[in-house]
Amino acid sequence: MKRKDLIKLLEKNGWRLARSGGNHDIYTNGIKSEPIPRHSEINELLAKAIIRRQGLK
């Protein structure tokens, strides 16, 4: 999955960039936070795990 597609999905569901780390950007919805790797292509299994963990779709 493309990183920008995952970011769009997060932002559409109320997630915002909280801070940028070394190799990851940290997104938060005010309660939970999720590190998103800074690669142009994110492994499909990792992307699905992030979506499932945060209850998105």
Protein backbone atom coordinates (compact mmCIF):
# COMPACT_ATOMS: atom_id res chain seq x y z
CA MET A 1 0.00 0.00 0.00
CA LYS A 2 1.26 3.46 -0.79
CA ARG A 3 2.10 5.54 2.27
CA LYS A 4 0.08 8.49 1.01
CA ASP A 5 -3.02 6.27 0.66
CA LEU A 6 -2.67 5.08 4.27
CA ILE A 7 -2.19 8.69 5.46
CA LYS A 8 -5.33 9.78 3.54
CA LEU A 9 -7.32 6.98 5.20
CA LEU A 10 -6.07 7.99 8.66
CA GLU A 11 -6.78 11.69 8.10
CA LYS A 12 -10.25 10.94 6.70
CA ASN A 13 -11.01 9.19 10.00
CA GLY A 14 -9.87 12.08 12.23
CA TRP A 15 -6.18 11.22 12.71
CA ARG A 16 -3.59 14.02 12.64
CA LEU A 17 0.20 14.16 12.53
CA ALA A 18 1.40 14.54 16.11
CA ARG A 19 5.15 14.55 15.49
CA SER A 20 7.89 13.26 13.24
CA GLY A 21 10.45 10.84 14.60
CA GLY A 22 13.60 9.44 13.03
CA ASN A 23 12.11 6.87 10.66
CA HIS A 24 8.42 7.18 11.53
CA ASP A 25 5.70 9.81 11.70
CA ILE A 26 3.42 9.52 14.73
CA TYR A 27 -0.30 9.99 14.03
CA THR A 28 -2.88 10.46 16.77
CA ASN A 29 -6.63 10.75 17.10
CA GLY A 30 -6.38 12.38 20.54
CA ILE A 31 -6.60 9.07 22.41
CA LYS A 32 -4.48 6.55 20.52
CA SER A 33 -1.29 7.01 18.56
CA GLU A 34 0.18 4.98 15.72
CA PRO A 35 3.69 5.13 14.23
CA ILE A 36 3.67 5.15 10.42
CA PRO A 37 6.96 4.22 8.70
CA ARG A 38 8.41 6.82 6.37
CA HIS A 39 8.68 4.65 3.24
CA SER A 40 6.95 5.34 -0.07
CA GLU A 41 5.56 1.78 -0.07
CA ILE A 42 4.34 0.19 3.19
CA ASN A 43 4.19 -3.60 3.43
CA GLU A 44 0.62 -4.77 2.80
CA LEU A 45 0.52 -6.86 6.00
CA LEU A 46 1.71 -3.91 8.10
CA ALA A 47 -0.83 -1.56 6.50
CA LYS A 48 -3.66 -4.03 7.16
CA ALA A 49 -2.48 -4.47 10.76
CA ILE A 50 -2.50 -0.69 11.33
CA ILE A 51 -6.00 -0.39 9.82
CA ARG A 52 -7.31 -3.32 11.88
CA ARG A 53 -5.66 -2.12 15.13
CA GLN A 54 -7.25 1.29 14.83
CA GLY A 55 -10.65 0.03 13.70
CA LEU A 56 -10.58 1.86 10.37
CA LYS A 57 -12.13 1.01 7.03
